[in-house]
């Protein structure tokens, strides 16, 4: 079993500065997803992404990043 840290963020642009919102701004707007899960050694990131989007429909517009944790 491996542990994965999942971070997800939408590509939201601040209309005033025309820059992407920071993580702290996204957290304040409840638009940031972070979780740690355990997966099999031979996991597939595409299937993980699809399963998370099915389980949490609000993540369909998020870019998800998977990082292995030792």
PDB file of N, CA and C in Angstrom:
ATOM      1  N   UNK A   1       0.838  -1.184   0.000  1.00  0.00           N
ATOM      2  CA  UNK A   1       0.000   0.000   0.000  1.00  0.00           C
ATOM      3  C   UNK A   1       0.884   1.250   0.000  1.00  0.00           C
ATOM      4  N   UNK A   2       0.429   2.247  -0.715  1.00  0.00           N
ATOM      5  CA  UNK A   2       1.122   3.527  -0.769  1.00  0.00           C
ATOM      6  C   UNK A   2       0.176   4.618  -0.291  1.00  0.00           C
ATOM      7  N   UNK A   3       0.749   5.706   0.207  1.00  0.00           N
ATOM      8  CA  UNK A   3      -0.042   6.864   0.585  1.00  0.00           C
ATOM      9  C   UNK A   3       0.131   7.943  -0.469  1.00  0.00           C
ATOM     10  N   UNK A   4      -0.983   8.546  -0.852  1.00  0.00           N
ATOM     11  CA  UNK A   4      -0.967   9.626  -1.820  1.00  0.00           C
ATOM     12  C   UNK A   4      -1.548  10.885  -1.206  1.00  0.00           C
ATOM     13  N   UNK A   5      -0.895  11.998  -1.478  1.00  0.00           N
ATOM     14  CA  UNK A   5      -1.454  13.291  -1.108  1.00  0.00           C
ATOM     15  C   UNK A   5      -2.092  13.862  -2.365  1.00  0.00           C
ATOM     16  N   UNK A   6      -3.376  14.190  -2.259  1.00  0.00           N
ATOM     17  CA  UNK A   6      -4.116  14.728  -3.389  1.00  0.00           C
ATOM     18  C   UNK A   6      -4.394  16.197  -3.129  1.00  0.00           C
ATOM     19  N   UNK A   7      -4.022  17.032  -4.074  1.00  0.00           N
ATOM     20  CA  UNK A   7      -4.371  18.451  -3.997  1.00  0.00           C
ATOM     21  C   UNK A   7      -5.122  18.811  -5.264  1.00  0.00           C
ATOM     22  N   UNK A   8      -6.143  19.602  -5.089  1.00  0.00           N
ATOM     23  CA  UNK A   8      -6.948  20.023  -6.225  1.00  0.00           C
ATOM     24  C   UNK A   8      -7.289  21.491  -6.126  1.00  0.00           C
ATOM     25  N   UNK A   9      -7.197  22.165  -7.266  1.00  0.00           N
ATOM     26  CA  UNK A   9      -7.531  23.579  -7.287  1.00  0.00           C
ATOM     27  C   UNK A   9      -8.110  23.937  -8.649  1.00  0.00           C
ATOM     28  N   UNK A  10      -9.133  24.781  -8.638  1.00  0.00           N
ATOM     29  CA  UNK A  10      -9.663  25.261  -9.904  1.00  0.00           C
ATOM     30  C   UNK A  10      -8.774  26.378 -10.442  1.00  0.00           C
ATOM     31  N   UNK A  11      -8.862  26.640 -11.713  1.00  0.00           N
ATOM     32  CA  UNK A  11      -8.089  27.721 -12.312  1.00  0.00           C
ATOM     33  C   UNK A  11      -8.926  28.996 -12.296  1.00  0.00           C
ATOM     34  N   UNK A  12      -9.093  29.549 -11.103  1.00  0.00           N
ATOM     35  CA  UNK A  12      -9.877  30.773 -10.955  1.00  0.00           C
ATOM     36  C   UNK A  12      -8.967  31.992 -11.076  1.00  0.00           C
ATOM     37  N   UNK A  13      -9.442  32.987 -11.783  1.00  0.00           N
ATOM     38  CA  UNK A  13      -8.679  34.211 -12.010  1.00  0.00           C
ATOM     39  C   UNK A  13      -9.331  35.351 -11.232  1.00  0.00           C
ATOM     40  N   UNK A  14      -8.510  36.097 -10.513  1.00  0.00           N
ATOM     41  CA  UNK A  14      -8.987  37.289  -9.799  1.00  0.00           C
ATOM     42  C   UNK A  14      -9.297  38.367 -10.832  1.00  0.00           C
ATOM     43  N   UNK A  15     -10.539  38.852 -10.889  1.00  0.00           N
ATOM     44  CA  UNK A  15     -10.895  39.844 -11.920  1.00  0.00           C
ATOM     45  C   UNK A  15     -10.165  41.176 -11.759  1.00  0.00           C
ATOM     46  N   UNK A  16      -9.718  41.498 -10.545  1.00  0.00           N
ATOM     47  CA  UNK A  16      -9.031  42.776 -10.324  1.00  0.00           C
ATOM     48  C   UNK A  16      -7.574  42.744 -10.782  1.00  0.00           C
ATOM     49  N   UNK A  17      -6.876  41.646 -10.498  1.00  0.00           N
ATOM     50  CA  UNK A  17      -5.449  41.570 -10.808  1.00  0.00           C
ATOM     51  C   UNK A  17      -5.145  40.721 -12.041  1.00  0.00           C
ATOM     52  N   UNK A  18      -6.117  39.955 -12.510  1.00  0.00           N
ATOM     53  CA  UNK A  18      -5.953  39.041 -13.644  1.00  0.00           C
ATOM     54  C   UNK A  18      -4.909  37.954 -13.368  1.00  0.00           C
ATOM     55  N   UNK A  19      -4.695  37.625 -12.086  1.00  0.00           N
ATOM     56  CA  UNK A  19      -3.786  36.557 -11.695  1.00  0.00           C
ATOM     57  C   UNK A  19      -4.592  35.445 -11.037  1.00  0.00           C
ATOM     58  N   UNK A  20      -4.004  34.240 -10.995  1.00  0.00           N
ATOM     59  CA  UNK A  20      -4.680  33.135 -10.328  1.00  0.00           C
ATOM     60  C   UNK A  20      -4.719  33.385  -8.828  1.00  0.00           C
ATOM     61  N   UNK A  21      -5.810  32.964  -8.211  1.00  0.00           N
ATOM     62  CA  UNK A  21      -5.929  33.075  -6.762  1.00  0.00           C
ATOM     63  C   UNK A  21      -4.860  32.229  -6.078  1.00  0.00           C
ATOM     64  N   UNK A  22      -4.409  32.651  -4.906  1.00  0.00           N
ATOM     65  CA  UNK A  22      -3.450  31.884  -4.120  1.00  0.00           C
ATOM     66  C   UNK A  22      -4.182  30.769  -3.380  1.00  0.00           C
ATOM     67  N   UNK A  23      -3.422  29.843  -2.808  1.00  0.00           N
ATOM     68  CA  UNK A  23      -4.016  28.734  -2.062  1.00  0.00           C
ATOM     69  C   UNK A  23      -4.812  29.261  -0.866  1.00  0.00           C
ATOM     70  N   UNK A  24      -4.283  30.260  -0.162  1.00  0.00           N
ATOM     71  CA  UNK A  24      -5.004  30.800   0.997  1.00  0.00           C
ATOM     72  C   UNK A  24      -6.316  31.459   0.578  1.00  0.00           C
ATOM     73  N   UNK A  25      -6.330  32.130  -0.567  1.00  0.00           N
ATOM     74  CA  UNK A  25      -7.575  32.725  -1.057  1.00  0.00           C
ATOM     75  C   UNK A  25      -8.573  31.641  -1.452  1.00  0.00           C
ATOM     76  N   UNK A  26      -8.082  30.579  -2.101  1.00  0.00           N
ATOM     77  CA  UNK A  26      -8.963  29.479  -2.482  1.00  0.00           C
ATOM     78  C   UNK A  26      -9.525  28.776  -1.254  1.00  0.00           C
ATOM     79  N   UNK A  27      -8.710  28.613  -0.213  1.00  0.00           N
ATOM     80  CA  UNK A  27      -9.196  27.997   1.029  1.00  0.00           C
ATOM     81  C   UNK A  27     -10.288  28.862   1.652  1.00  0.00           C
ATOM     82  N   UNK A  28     -10.104  30.162   1.619  1.00  0.00           N
ATOM     83  CA  UNK A  28     -11.091  31.069   2.189  1.00  0.00           C
ATOM     84  C   UNK A  28     -12.413  30.988   1.422  1.00  0.00           C
ATOM     85  N   UNK A  29     -12.340  30.728   0.129  1.00  0.00           N
ATOM     86  CA  UNK A  29     -13.556  30.614  -0.691  1.00  0.00           C
ATOM     87  C   UNK A  29     -14.067  29.181  -0.741  1.00  0.00           C
ATOM     88  N   UNK A  30     -13.428  28.281   0.018  1.00  0.00           N
ATOM     89  CA  UNK A  30     -13.780  26.864   0.036  1.00  0.00           C
ATOM     90  C   UNK A  30     -13.646  26.252  -1.361  1.00  0.00           C
ATOM     91  N   UNK A  31     -12.583  26.620  -2.072  1.00  0.00           N
ATOM     92  CA  UNK A  31     -12.326  26.140  -3.428  1.00  0.00           C
ATOM     93  C   UNK A  31     -10.998  25.406  -3.527  1.00  0.00           C
ATOM     94  N   UNK A  32     -10.582  24.746  -2.469  1.00  0.00           N
ATOM     95  CA  UNK A  32      -9.304  24.042  -2.466  1.00  0.00           C
ATOM     96  C   UNK A  32      -9.535  22.685  -1.843  1.00  0.00           C
ATOM     97  N   UNK A  33      -9.041  21.638  -2.471  1.00  0.00           N
ATOM     98  CA  UNK A  33      -9.240  20.280  -1.977  1.00  0.00           C
ATOM     99  C   UNK A  33      -7.883  19.666  -1.659  1.00  0.00           C
ATOM    100  N   UNK A  34      -7.787  19.049  -0.487  1.00  0.00           N
ATOM    101  CA  UNK A  34      -6.560  18.355  -0.104  1.00  0.00           C
ATOM    102  C   UNK A  34      -6.939  17.144   0.741  1.00  0.00           C
ATOM    103  N   UNK A  35      -6.324  16.019   0.443  1.00  0.00           N
ATOM    104  CA  UNK A  35      -6.637  14.796   1.174  1.00  0.00           C
ATOM    105  C   UNK A  35      -5.447  13.845   1.057  1.00  0.00           C
ATOM    106  N   UNK A  36      -5.352  12.909   1.979  1.00  0.00           N
ATOM    107  CA  UNK A  36      -4.344  11.848   1.934  1.00  0.00           C
ATOM    108  C   UNK A  36      -5.094  10.524   1.942  1.00  0.00           C
ATOM    109  N   UNK A  37      -4.789   9.674   0.956  1.00  0.00           N
ATOM    110  CA  UNK A  37      -5.465   8.395   0.845  1.00  0.00           C
ATOM    111  C   UNK A  37      -4.436   7.288   0.685  1.00  0.00           C
ATOM    112  N   UNK A  38      -4.857   6.052   0.956  1.00  0.00           N
ATOM    113  CA  UNK A  38      -4.024   4.885   0.729  1.00  0.00           C
ATOM    114  C   UNK A  38      -4.526   4.174  -0.519  1.00  0.00           C
ATOM    115  N   UNK A  39      -3.583   3.762  -1.352  1.00  0.00           N
ATOM    116  CA  UNK A  39      -3.927   3.062  -2.597  1.00  0.00           C
ATOM    117  C   UNK A  39      -3.040   1.835  -2.739  1.00  0.00           C
ATOM    118  N   UNK A  40      -3.419   0.947  -3.659  1.00  0.00           N
ATOM    119  CA  UNK A  40      -2.594  -0.231  -3.960  1.00  0.00           C
ATOM    120  C   UNK A  40      -1.290   0.205  -4.611  1.00  0.00           C
ATOM    121  N   UNK A  41      -0.323  -0.691  -4.610  1.00  0.00           N
ATOM    122  CA  UNK A  41       0.978  -0.379  -5.207  1.00  0.00           C
ATOM    123  C   UNK A  41       0.883  -0.125  -6.710  1.00  0.00           C
ATOM    124  N   UNK A  42      -0.049  -0.756  -7.371  1.00  0.00           N
ATOM    125  CA  UNK A  42      -0.180  -0.600  -8.824  1.00  0.00           C
ATOM    126  C   UNK A  42      -1.392   0.284  -9.172  1.00  0.00           C
ATOM    127  N   UNK A  43      -1.489   1.441  -8.558  1.00  0.00           N
ATOM    128  CA  UNK A  43      -2.622   2.342  -8.781  1.00  0.00           C
ATOM    129  C   UNK A  43      -2.493   3.045 -10.133  1.00  0.00           C
ATOM    130  N   UNK A  44      -3.627   3.520 -10.635  1.00  0.00           N
ATOM    131  CA  UNK A  44      -3.695   4.253 -11.890  1.00  0.00           C
ATOM    132  C   UNK A  44      -4.251   5.648 -11.601  1.00  0.00           C
ATOM    133  N   UNK A  45      -3.493   6.686 -11.910  1.00  0.00           N
ATOM    134  CA  UNK A  45      -3.933   8.052 -11.572  1.00  0.00           C
ATOM    135  C   UNK A  45      -5.189   8.452 -12.328  1.00  0.00           C
ATOM    136  N   UNK A  46      -5.360   7.976 -13.553  1.00  0.00           N
ATOM    137  CA  UNK A  46      -6.565   8.311 -14.308  1.00  0.00           C
ATOM    138  C   UNK A  46      -7.808   7.745 -13.626  1.00  0.00           C
ATOM    139  N   UNK A  47      -7.729   6.504 -13.170  1.00  0.00           N
ATOM    140  CA  UNK A  47      -8.871   5.902 -12.478  1.00  0.00           C
ATOM    141  C   UNK A  47      -9.120   6.580 -11.135  1.00  0.00           C
ATOM    142  N   UNK A  48      -8.060   6.964 -10.425  1.00  0.00           N
ATOM    143  CA  UNK A  48      -8.230   7.695  -9.169  1.00  0.00           C
ATOM    144  C   UNK A  48      -8.937   9.021  -9.415  1.00  0.00           C
ATOM    145  N   UNK A  49      -8.509   9.720 -10.457  1.00  0.00           N
ATOM    146  CA  UNK A  49      -9.122  10.998 -10.817  1.00  0.00           C
ATOM    147  C   UNK A  49     -10.606  10.814 -11.125  1.00  0.00           C
ATOM    148  N   UNK A  50     -10.940   9.816 -11.931  1.00  0.00           N
ATOM    149  CA  UNK A  50     -12.344   9.568 -12.292  1.00  0.00           C
ATOM    150  C   UNK A  50     -13.174   9.153 -11.081  1.00  0.00           C
ATOM    151  N   UNK A  51     -12.606   8.311 -10.213  1.00  0.00           N
ATOM    152  CA  UNK A  51     -13.337   7.878  -9.014  1.00  0.00           C
ATOM    153  C   UNK A  51     -13.600   9.043  -8.071  1.00  0.00           C
ATOM    154  N   UNK A  52     -12.614   9.927  -7.901  1.00  0.00           N
ATOM    155  CA  UNK A  52     -12.817  11.101  -7.045  1.00  0.00           C
ATOM    156  C   UNK A  52     -13.868  12.040  -7.629  1.00  0.00           C
ATOM    157  N   UNK A  53     -13.853  12.226  -8.948  1.00  0.00           N
ATOM    158  CA  UNK A  53     -14.850  13.090  -9.571  1.00  0.00           C
ATOM    159  C   UNK A  53     -16.249  12.499  -9.466  1.00  0.00           C
ATOM    160  N   UNK A  54     -16.327  11.176  -9.488  1.00  0.00           N
ATOM    161  CA  UNK A  54     -17.631  10.527  -9.319  1.00  0.00           C
ATOM    162  C   UNK A  54     -18.122  10.658  -7.879  1.00  0.00           C
ATOM    163  N   UNK A  55     -17.200  10.483  -6.933  1.00  0.00           N
ATOM    164  CA  UNK A  55     -17.560  10.560  -5.511  1.00  0.00           C
ATOM    165  C   UNK A  55     -17.847  11.994  -5.077  1.00  0.00           C
ATOM    166  N   UNK A  56     -17.072  12.948  -5.598  1.00  0.00           N
ATOM    167  CA  UNK A  56     -17.226  14.367  -5.263  1.00  0.00           C
ATOM    168  C   UNK A  56     -17.429  15.158  -6.557  1.00  0.00           C
ATOM    169  N   UNK A  57     -18.668  15.339  -7.010  1.00  0.00           N
ATOM    170  CA  UNK A  57     -18.932  16.013  -8.292  1.00  0.00           C
ATOM    171  C   UNK A  57     -18.377  17.430  -8.379  1.00  0.00           C
ATOM    172  N   UNK A  58     -18.189  18.098  -7.255  1.00  0.00           N
ATOM    173  CA  UNK A  58     -17.657  19.459  -7.293  1.00  0.00           C
ATOM    174  C   UNK A  58     -16.199  19.490  -7.756  1.00  0.00           C
ATOM    175  N   UNK A  59     -15.510  18.352  -7.780  1.00  0.00           N
ATOM    176  CA  UNK A  59     -14.114  18.303  -8.216  1.00  0.00           C
ATOM    177  C   UNK A  59     -13.963  18.177  -9.729  1.00  0.00           C
ATOM    178  N   UNK A  60     -15.068  18.121 -10.471  1.00  0.00           N
ATOM    179  CA  UNK A  60     -14.973  17.951 -11.924  1.00  0.00           C
ATOM    180  C   UNK A  60     -14.264  19.100 -12.605  1.00  0.00           C
ATOM    181  N   UNK A  61     -14.292  20.283 -12.027  1.00  0.00           N
ATOM    182  CA  UNK A  61     -13.617  21.436 -12.636  1.00  0.00           C
ATOM    183  C   UNK A  61     -12.240  21.684 -12.022  1.00  0.00           C
ATOM    184  N   UNK A  62     -11.772  20.796 -11.167  1.00  0.00           N
ATOM    185  CA  UNK A  62     -10.493  20.972 -10.483  1.00  0.00           C
ATOM    186  C   UNK A  62      -9.378  20.254 -11.234  1.00  0.00           C
ATOM    187  N   UNK A  63      -8.174  20.797 -11.150  1.00  0.00           N
ATOM    188  CA  UNK A  63      -6.975  20.101 -11.586  1.00  0.00           C
ATOM    189  C   UNK A  63      -6.423  19.367 -10.372  1.00  0.00           C
ATOM    190  N   UNK A  64      -6.379  18.051 -10.436  1.00  0.00           N
ATOM    191  CA  UNK A  64      -5.910  17.255  -9.305  1.00  0.00           C
ATOM    192  C   UNK A  64      -4.451  16.853  -9.522  1.00  0.00           C
ATOM    193  N   UNK A  65      -3.684  16.918  -8.434  1.00  0.00           N
ATOM    194  CA  UNK A  65      -2.275  16.527  -8.473  1.00  0.00           C
ATOM    195  C   UNK A  65      -2.062  15.447  -7.420  1.00  0.00           C
ATOM    196  N   UNK A  66      -1.394  14.357  -7.798  1.00  0.00           N
ATOM    197  CA  UNK A  66      -1.153  13.233  -6.910  1.00  0.00           C
ATOM    198  C   UNK A  66       0.332  13.156  -6.594  1.00  0.00           C
ATOM    199  N   UNK A  67       0.666  13.087  -5.284  1.00  0.00           N
ATOM    200  CA  UNK A  67       2.060  12.967  -4.845  1.00  0.00           C
ATOM    201  C   UNK A  67       2.177  11.788  -3.884  1.00  0.00           C
ATOM    202  N   UNK A  68       3.159  10.934  -4.117  1.00  0.00           N
ATOM    203  CA  UNK A  68       3.398   9.810  -3.211  1.00  0.00           C
ATOM    204  C   UNK A  68       4.083  10.313  -1.944  1.00  0.00           C
ATOM    205  N   UNK A  69       3.634   9.800  -0.811  1.00  0.00           N
ATOM    206  CA  UNK A  69       4.208  10.157   0.491  1.00  0.00           C
ATOM    207  C   UNK A  69       4.924   8.930   1.023  1.00  0.00           C
ATOM    208  N   UNK A  70       6.116   9.111   1.520  1.00  0.00           N
ATOM    209  CA  UNK A  70       6.887   7.993   2.091  1.00  0.00           C
ATOM    210  C   UNK A  70       6.531   7.775   3.529  1.00  0.00           C
TER     211      UNK A  70
END
